[in-house]
């Protein structure tokens, strides 16, 4: 089956997810769906991607909004010493998600250990039924830690 070279049109995708459920708009990714059309992600997945971007972005990386970004790596090096870090991250996520008008999700942040005993930062994200429309679930967990070679490791799973 050949890839459709005509591209994607808003009229074509507006029927997949009701407009009232897509408060953040539509997002196509560099993949194709079962009909060989550009694949769309749900609003919930878009929210997860936004949170991941905010977590890893360093302040000043986006010149037009210089205070956008959390720089999660700075916290991962000191989280075993400071138990207030999850509250700091939640506060920053609240501020930045409000600034970007990300609504319909709630998140929690805490520390846990991997099966190898390595400390990990866990972000628990839940979306409303409206935000999760088109997703398999409305609950995702993101784990962030360093691996044995001291490389940043991120794992995302849907529950």
Protein backbone atom coordinates (compact mmCIF):
# COMPACT_ATOMS: atom_id res chain seq x y z
CA UNK A 1 0.00 0.00 0.00
CA UNK A 2 1.48 3.35 -0.99
CA UNK A 3 1.74 6.27 1.35
CA UNK A 4 -0.75 9.04 0.65
CA UNK A 5 1.36 11.93 -0.66
CA UNK A 6 -1.49 14.43 -0.39
CA UNK A 7 -0.86 14.91 3.32
CA UNK A 8 -3.42 15.42 6.02
CA UNK A 9 -6.25 17.94 6.12
CA UNK A 10 -8.00 19.30 9.20
CA UNK A 11 -11.40 18.22 7.87
CA UNK A 12 -10.07 14.68 7.68
CA UNK A 13 -8.85 14.51 11.28
CA UNK A 14 -11.60 16.50 12.95
CA UNK A 15 -13.85 13.44 12.77
CA UNK A 16 -11.42 11.21 14.65
CA UNK A 17 -11.55 13.15 17.91
CA UNK A 18 -14.43 15.53 18.64
CA UNK A 19 -13.20 19.12 18.64
CA UNK A 20 -14.53 19.75 22.16
CA UNK A 21 -12.34 16.87 23.41
CA UNK A 22 -9.20 18.29 21.76
CA UNK A 23 -8.68 21.33 23.96
CA UNK A 24 -4.97 21.39 23.03
CA UNK A 25 -5.55 20.85 19.33
CA UNK A 26 -4.36 18.01 17.14
CA UNK A 27 -0.87 16.59 16.97
CA UNK A 28 0.44 14.37 14.19
CA UNK A 29 3.58 12.32 14.75
CA UNK A 30 6.17 10.98 12.31
CA UNK A 31 4.36 7.69 11.89
CA UNK A 32 1.40 6.37 9.94
CA UNK A 33 -1.81 4.73 11.09
CA UNK A 34 -3.46 1.60 9.70
CA UNK A 35 -4.80 3.61 6.73
CA UNK A 36 -1.32 4.92 5.85
CA UNK A 37 -2.27 8.42 6.95
CA UNK A 38 -0.22 10.50 9.38
CA UNK A 39 -0.87 9.16 12.87
CA UNK A 40 -2.59 11.42 15.39
CA UNK A 41 -2.05 11.18 19.10
CA UNK A 42 -4.72 11.75 21.71
CA UNK A 43 -4.84 14.80 23.94
CA UNK A 44 -3.72 12.65 26.88
CA UNK A 45 -0.59 11.53 25.02
CA UNK A 46 -0.01 15.15 24.01
CA UNK A 47 -0.18 16.13 27.70
CA UNK A 48 2.32 13.40 28.63
CA UNK A 49 4.69 14.56 25.88
CA UNK A 50 4.36 18.15 27.10
CA UNK A 51 5.16 17.13 30.68
CA UNK A 52 8.20 15.16 29.51
CA UNK A 53 9.37 18.16 27.48
CA UNK A 54 8.93 20.49 30.46
CA UNK A 55 10.80 18.09 32.75
CA UNK A 56 13.84 17.77 30.48
CA UNK A 57 13.95 21.30 29.08
CA UNK A 58 16.38 23.67 30.74
CA UNK A 59 15.20 27.20 31.60
CA UNK A 60 16.33 29.59 28.87
CA UNK A 61 16.25 26.90 26.19
CA UNK A 62 13.13 28.49 24.68
CA UNK A 63 14.14 32.15 24.13
CA UNK A 64 10.62 33.57 23.87
CA UNK A 65 9.67 32.02 27.26
CA UNK A 66 13.00 31.99 29.17
CA UNK A 67 11.66 30.55 32.43
CA UNK A 68 10.02 27.54 30.74
CA UNK A 69 11.62 24.23 31.67
CA UNK A 70 12.41 22.34 34.87
CA UNK A 71 15.80 20.69 34.10
CA UNK A 72 15.05 17.45 35.89
CA UNK A 73 18.67 16.31 35.68
CA UNK A 74 19.71 18.84 38.31
CA UNK A 75 17.31 17.20 40.77
CA UNK A 76 18.27 13.63 39.98
CA UNK A 77 21.78 14.21 41.27
CA UNK A 78 20.59 15.45 44.67
CA UNK A 79 17.26 13.68 45.27
CA UNK A 80 18.61 11.27 47.86
CA UNK A 81 19.62 14.23 50.06
CA UNK A 82 16.55 16.44 49.72
CA UNK A 83 13.12 14.92 50.31
CA UNK A 84 11.40 18.21 49.33
CA UNK A 85 12.28 17.78 45.66
CA UNK A 86 8.95 16.12 44.66
CA UNK A 87 7.04 19.12 46.05
CA UNK A 88 9.35 21.51 44.15
CA UNK A 89 8.80 19.59 40.91
CA UNK A 90 5.01 19.56 41.40
CA UNK A 91 5.03 23.32 42.04
CA UNK A 92 7.06 23.94 38.88
CA UNK A 93 4.83 21.61 36.83
CA UNK A 94 1.73 23.42 38.13
CA UNK A 95 3.15 26.82 37.20
CA UNK A 96 4.31 25.77 33.76
CA UNK A 97 1.25 23.71 32.83
CA UNK A 98 -0.95 26.66 33.85
CA UNK A 99 1.16 28.95 31.71
CA UNK A 100 0.73 26.61 28.72
CA UNK A 101 -2.97 26.10 29.55
CA UNK A 102 -2.63 22.33 29.98
CA UNK A 103 -5.87 21.24 31.67
CA UNK A 104 -7.71 18.01 32.41
CA UNK A 105 -4.76 16.19 33.98
CA UNK A 106 -3.44 15.71 37.48
CA UNK A 107 0.00 14.49 38.43
CA UNK A 108 1.94 13.38 41.45
CA UNK A 109 5.68 13.08 41.95
CA UNK A 110 7.51 10.75 44.34
CA UNK A 111 10.68 8.71 44.72
CA UNK A 112 10.88 4.96 44.39
CA UNK A 113 13.54 2.32 43.77
CA UNK A 114 14.05 0.24 40.65
CA UNK A 115 14.34 -3.55 40.84
CA UNK A 116 18.14 -3.06 40.95
CA UNK A 117 17.81 -0.79 44.01
CA UNK A 118 18.55 2.46 42.15
CA UNK A 119 16.57 5.51 43.23
CA UNK A 120 14.09 6.75 40.62
CA UNK A 121 11.82 9.75 40.28
CA UNK A 122 8.25 8.73 39.41
CA UNK A 123 5.66 11.02 37.81
CA UNK A 124 2.12 9.62 38.04
CA UNK A 125 -0.21 11.28 35.50
CA UNK A 126 -3.99 10.89 35.32
CA UNK A 127 -6.31 12.45 32.81
CA UNK A 128 -10.02 13.06 32.81
CA UNK A 129 -12.20 10.90 30.58
CA UNK A 130 -12.53 13.80 28.16
CA UNK A 131 -8.76 14.28 27.86
CA UNK A 132 -8.20 10.52 27.55
CA UNK A 133 -10.69 10.17 24.68
CA UNK A 134 -8.94 8.18 21.97
CA UNK A 135 -6.38 6.73 24.40
CA UNK A 136 -6.28 3.21 25.73
CA UNK A 137 -6.19 4.56 29.28
CA UNK A 138 -6.20 7.75 31.31
CA UNK A 139 -3.35 6.78 33.65
CA UNK A 140 0.38 6.81 32.90
CA UNK A 141 3.52 6.50 34.96
CA UNK A 142 6.89 7.92 33.96
CA UNK A 143 10.04 6.71 35.73
CA UNK A 144 13.26 8.71 35.46
CA UNK A 145 16.62 7.53 36.79
CA UNK A 146 20.21 6.86 35.85
CA UNK A 147 21.27 3.46 34.58
CA UNK A 148 24.43 1.56 35.62
CA UNK A 149 26.50 3.53 33.10
CA UNK A 150 25.24 6.83 34.57
CA UNK A 151 23.08 7.61 31.54
CA UNK A 152 19.65 9.16 31.98
CA UNK A 153 16.95 6.50 31.64
CA UNK A 154 13.24 7.21 31.12
CA UNK A 155 10.45 4.67 30.95
CA UNK A 156 6.80 5.42 30.31
CA UNK A 157 4.00 2.94 30.84
CA UNK A 158 0.24 3.13 30.65
CA UNK A 159 -1.87 1.55 33.35
